[in-house]
N, C-alpha and C. Protein backbone atom coordinates (compact mmCIF):
# COMPACT_ATOMS: atom_id res chain seq x y z
N MET A 1 70.51 138.39 44.13
CA MET A 1 70.70 139.64 44.93
C MET A 1 70.00 140.82 44.09
N GLU A 2 69.57 141.76 44.86
CA GLU A 2 68.90 142.95 44.15
C GLU A 2 69.70 144.21 44.69
N ILE A 3 69.97 145.01 43.65
CA ILE A 3 70.63 146.31 44.11
C ILE A 3 69.61 147.48 43.53
N ARG A 4 69.73 148.62 44.23
CA ARG A 4 69.20 149.88 43.87
C ARG A 4 70.22 150.72 43.34
N LYS A 5 69.90 151.43 42.16
CA LYS A 5 70.72 152.39 41.58
C LYS A 5 70.01 153.58 41.11
N VAL A 6 70.61 154.78 41.54
CA VAL A 6 69.89 155.98 41.12
C VAL A 6 70.29 156.32 39.84
N LEU A 7 69.35 156.49 38.84
CA LEU A 7 69.69 156.83 37.47
C LEU A 7 69.67 158.30 37.22
N LEU A 8 68.81 158.97 37.90
CA LEU A 8 68.64 160.61 37.73
C LEU A 8 68.26 161.09 39.18
N GLU A 9 69.01 162.06 39.65
CA GLU A 9 68.81 162.72 40.74
C GLU A 9 67.57 163.73 40.67
N PRO A 10 66.80 164.08 41.69
CA PRO A 10 65.73 165.03 41.40
C PRO A 10 65.90 166.29 40.56
N SER A 11 67.23 166.86 40.64
CA SER A 11 67.57 168.10 39.92
C SER A 11 67.80 167.82 38.38
N GLU A 12 67.90 166.46 38.05
CA GLU A 12 68.12 166.14 36.72
C GLU A 12 66.79 165.69 36.04
N ARG A 13 65.75 165.57 36.71
CA ARG A 13 64.56 165.07 36.09
C ARG A 13 63.83 166.06 35.27
N ALA A 14 62.94 165.71 34.42
CA ALA A 14 62.19 166.59 33.56
C ALA A 14 61.36 167.65 34.32
N GLU A 15 61.30 168.80 33.92
CA GLU A 15 60.35 169.89 34.54
C GLU A 15 58.87 169.57 34.49
N HIS A 16 58.40 169.00 33.45
CA HIS A 16 56.94 168.86 33.16
C HIS A 16 56.30 167.61 34.16
N LEU A 17 57.12 167.00 34.88
CA LEU A 17 56.66 165.82 35.78
C LEU A 17 55.86 166.48 36.94
N PRO A 18 54.86 165.69 37.48
CA PRO A 18 54.23 166.20 38.65
C PRO A 18 55.15 166.34 39.87
N GLU A 19 54.88 167.26 40.70
CA GLU A 19 55.87 167.63 41.83
C GLU A 19 56.24 166.29 42.61
N GLU A 20 55.25 165.51 43.05
CA GLU A 20 55.66 164.26 43.90
C GLU A 20 56.52 163.33 43.05
N THR A 21 56.58 163.46 41.75
CA THR A 21 57.42 162.56 41.04
C THR A 21 58.76 163.15 40.84
N LYS A 22 58.88 164.46 40.42
CA LYS A 22 60.13 165.07 40.10
C LYS A 22 61.07 165.33 41.31
N ASN A 23 60.36 165.32 42.58
CA ASN A 23 61.01 165.46 43.75
C ASN A 23 61.81 164.30 44.40
N VAL A 24 61.77 163.13 43.72
CA VAL A 24 62.44 161.97 44.13
C VAL A 24 63.30 161.43 43.09
N PRO A 25 64.32 160.74 43.44
CA PRO A 25 65.34 160.18 42.38
C PRO A 25 64.65 159.16 41.50
N PHE A 26 64.94 159.05 40.18
CA PHE A 26 64.60 158.03 39.36
C PHE A 26 65.46 156.80 39.56
N GLU A 27 64.98 155.70 40.10
CA GLU A 27 65.78 154.54 40.45
C GLU A 27 65.46 153.29 39.68
N ALA A 28 66.60 152.43 39.59
CA ALA A 28 66.36 151.08 39.03
C ALA A 28 66.62 150.09 40.05
N ARG A 29 65.90 148.94 40.03
CA ARG A 29 66.19 147.86 40.82
C ARG A 29 66.64 146.76 39.83
N VAL A 30 67.83 146.15 40.14
CA VAL A 30 68.32 145.12 39.26
C VAL A 30 68.77 144.03 40.00
N ARG A 31 68.43 142.80 39.48
CA ARG A 31 68.85 141.48 40.12
C ARG A 31 70.05 140.88 39.45
N GLY A 32 70.87 140.23 40.15
CA GLY A 32 72.04 139.53 39.65
C GLY A 32 72.92 138.86 40.63
N PHE A 33 74.09 138.58 40.30
CA PHE A 33 74.93 137.81 41.22
C PHE A 33 76.00 138.67 41.70
N LEU A 34 76.26 138.64 43.05
CA LEU A 34 77.19 139.47 43.71
C LEU A 34 78.65 139.06 43.31
N MET A 35 79.42 140.10 43.06
CA MET A 35 80.85 139.87 42.71
C MET A 35 81.79 139.56 43.96
N ARG A 36 81.27 139.92 45.14
CA ARG A 36 81.91 139.75 46.37
C ARG A 36 81.00 139.58 47.51
N ASP A 37 81.32 139.05 48.65
CA ASP A 37 80.35 138.97 49.79
C ASP A 37 80.08 140.45 50.30
N ALA A 38 78.84 140.70 50.71
CA ALA A 38 78.40 141.93 51.24
C ALA A 38 77.22 141.79 52.12
N ASN A 39 76.98 142.87 52.77
CA ASN A 39 75.77 143.10 53.53
C ASN A 39 74.81 143.97 52.96
N VAL A 40 73.52 143.84 53.31
CA VAL A 40 72.51 144.78 52.77
C VAL A 40 72.87 146.24 53.24
N GLY A 41 72.76 147.14 52.28
CA GLY A 41 73.04 148.52 52.51
C GLY A 41 74.47 149.00 51.99
N GLU A 42 75.31 148.00 51.72
CA GLU A 42 76.64 148.31 51.14
C GLU A 42 76.55 148.54 49.61
N GLU A 43 77.49 149.34 49.14
CA GLU A 43 77.71 149.46 47.67
C GLU A 43 78.48 148.21 47.09
N VAL A 44 77.80 147.73 46.09
CA VAL A 44 78.38 146.41 45.54
C VAL A 44 78.24 146.45 44.00
N GLU A 45 78.88 145.40 43.40
CA GLU A 45 78.80 145.19 42.01
C GLU A 45 78.12 143.80 41.68
N ILE A 46 77.13 143.83 40.79
CA ILE A 46 76.59 142.43 40.43
C ILE A 46 76.79 142.29 39.07
N GLU A 47 76.67 141.04 38.63
CA GLU A 47 76.74 140.69 37.23
C GLU A 47 75.17 140.09 36.84
N THR A 48 74.56 140.76 36.02
CA THR A 48 73.20 140.30 35.57
C THR A 48 73.26 139.04 34.87
N PRO A 49 72.08 138.31 34.72
CA PRO A 49 72.05 137.12 34.01
C PRO A 49 72.49 137.31 32.57
N ILE A 50 72.51 138.39 31.92
CA ILE A 50 72.91 138.61 30.66
C ILE A 50 74.41 139.10 30.54
N GLY A 51 75.05 139.18 31.64
CA GLY A 51 76.50 139.47 31.66
C GLY A 51 76.82 140.90 31.84
N ARG A 52 75.84 141.71 32.16
CA ARG A 52 76.28 143.16 32.36
C ARG A 52 76.71 143.29 33.87
N PHE A 53 77.64 144.21 34.13
CA PHE A 53 78.12 144.52 35.43
C PHE A 53 77.55 145.89 35.85
N ILE A 54 76.94 145.96 37.06
CA ILE A 54 76.27 147.11 37.51
C ILE A 54 76.55 147.33 38.98
N LYS A 55 76.91 148.67 39.30
CA LYS A 55 77.08 148.98 40.69
C LYS A 55 75.86 149.57 41.24
N GLY A 56 75.66 149.36 42.61
CA GLY A 56 74.55 149.97 43.23
C GLY A 56 74.56 149.51 44.74
N THR A 57 73.55 149.82 45.41
CA THR A 57 73.18 149.61 46.79
C THR A 57 72.56 148.27 47.04
N LEU A 58 73.13 147.27 47.74
CA LEU A 58 72.49 146.05 47.95
C LEU A 58 71.26 146.17 48.81
N VAL A 59 70.00 145.87 48.31
CA VAL A 59 68.77 146.08 49.11
C VAL A 59 68.20 144.71 49.48
N ALA A 60 68.53 143.75 48.80
CA ALA A 60 67.86 142.33 49.32
C ALA A 60 68.81 141.19 48.92
N GLU A 61 68.74 140.16 49.65
CA GLU A 61 69.44 138.95 49.33
C GLU A 61 68.29 137.91 49.02
N ASN A 62 68.45 137.26 47.78
CA ASN A 62 67.52 136.29 47.36
C ASN A 62 66.06 136.71 47.51
N PRO A 63 65.74 137.91 46.85
CA PRO A 63 64.40 138.49 47.01
C PRO A 63 63.41 137.58 46.20
N PRO A 64 62.20 137.35 46.78
CA PRO A 64 61.13 136.55 46.10
C PRO A 64 60.60 137.46 45.11
N PHE A 65 59.79 136.69 44.20
CA PHE A 65 58.94 137.47 43.24
C PHE A 65 57.73 137.68 43.97
N THR A 66 57.14 138.98 43.92
CA THR A 66 56.00 139.23 44.69
C THR A 66 54.81 139.59 43.84
N HIS A 67 54.98 139.60 42.46
CA HIS A 67 53.89 139.91 41.51
C HIS A 67 53.07 138.63 41.33
N GLY A 68 51.84 139.03 40.85
CA GLY A 68 50.85 137.97 40.68
C GLY A 68 50.05 138.24 39.59
N PHE A 69 48.86 137.50 39.24
CA PHE A 69 47.99 137.79 38.26
C PHE A 69 46.59 138.18 38.76
N GLY A 70 46.62 138.45 40.05
CA GLY A 70 45.33 138.86 40.67
C GLY A 70 44.45 137.60 40.98
N ARG A 71 43.20 137.91 41.44
CA ARG A 71 42.31 136.79 41.77
C ARG A 71 41.72 136.21 40.48
N PRO A 72 41.26 134.98 40.58
CA PRO A 72 40.80 134.41 39.35
C PRO A 72 39.38 134.98 39.07
N VAL A 73 39.12 135.06 37.66
CA VAL A 73 37.79 135.58 37.23
C VAL A 73 36.89 134.39 37.15
N ARG A 74 35.77 134.52 37.87
CA ARG A 74 34.95 133.25 38.03
C ARG A 74 34.31 132.96 36.69
N GLU A 75 34.00 134.00 35.80
CA GLU A 75 33.40 133.64 34.52
C GLU A 75 34.48 132.83 33.68
N LEU A 76 35.76 133.25 33.72
CA LEU A 76 36.84 132.59 32.91
C LEU A 76 36.99 131.16 33.42
N VAL A 77 36.99 130.94 34.71
CA VAL A 77 37.11 129.58 35.31
C VAL A 77 35.98 128.76 34.71
N GLU A 78 34.72 129.17 34.81
CA GLU A 78 33.65 128.50 34.38
C GLU A 78 33.70 128.20 32.72
N VAL A 79 34.18 129.21 32.00
CA VAL A 79 34.22 128.93 30.61
C VAL A 79 35.35 127.88 30.45
N SER A 80 36.39 127.90 31.10
CA SER A 80 37.58 126.93 30.98
C SER A 80 37.02 125.59 31.25
N ARG A 81 36.17 125.33 32.23
CA ARG A 81 35.72 124.05 32.61
C ARG A 81 34.80 123.56 31.56
N GLU A 82 33.89 124.46 31.05
CA GLU A 82 32.92 124.08 29.96
C GLU A 82 33.59 123.63 28.72
N LEU A 83 34.73 124.44 28.28
CA LEU A 83 35.45 123.98 27.07
C LEU A 83 36.16 122.71 27.27
N ARG A 84 36.76 122.47 28.55
CA ARG A 84 37.36 121.04 28.71
C ARG A 84 36.26 119.98 28.63
N ARG A 85 35.12 120.18 29.03
CA ARG A 85 34.01 119.21 28.92
C ARG A 85 33.76 118.94 27.47
N GLU A 86 33.60 119.99 26.66
CA GLU A 86 33.31 119.81 25.21
C GLU A 86 34.43 119.24 24.43
N ILE A 87 35.66 119.58 24.82
CA ILE A 87 36.78 119.09 24.01
C ILE A 87 37.10 117.68 24.38
N GLY A 88 36.93 117.40 25.61
CA GLY A 88 37.17 115.98 26.20
C GLY A 88 38.76 115.76 26.53
N PRO A 89 39.06 114.66 26.94
CA PRO A 89 40.33 114.34 27.46
C PRO A 89 41.45 114.57 26.41
N SER A 90 42.55 115.02 26.70
CA SER A 90 43.67 115.16 25.75
C SER A 90 44.39 113.92 25.58
């Protein structure tokens, strides 16, 4: 499960930040295990994988990882193939 927790309200943010940054809350998204059944949008408590207990708003059930490493770099793919040919089977 993933929760959203506001760490700093806009009024608590540093003055030197750009306007578009300091006018929104500073938030954390944390994944963990629900302590009770709940629906998205409810205030809940989770236990993180390292055993911390954190309260926040439930934003997702079983969220997928959406990050990646971008597209393959053709030159690196070619170098990898060439090295494998030179080194031979393992």
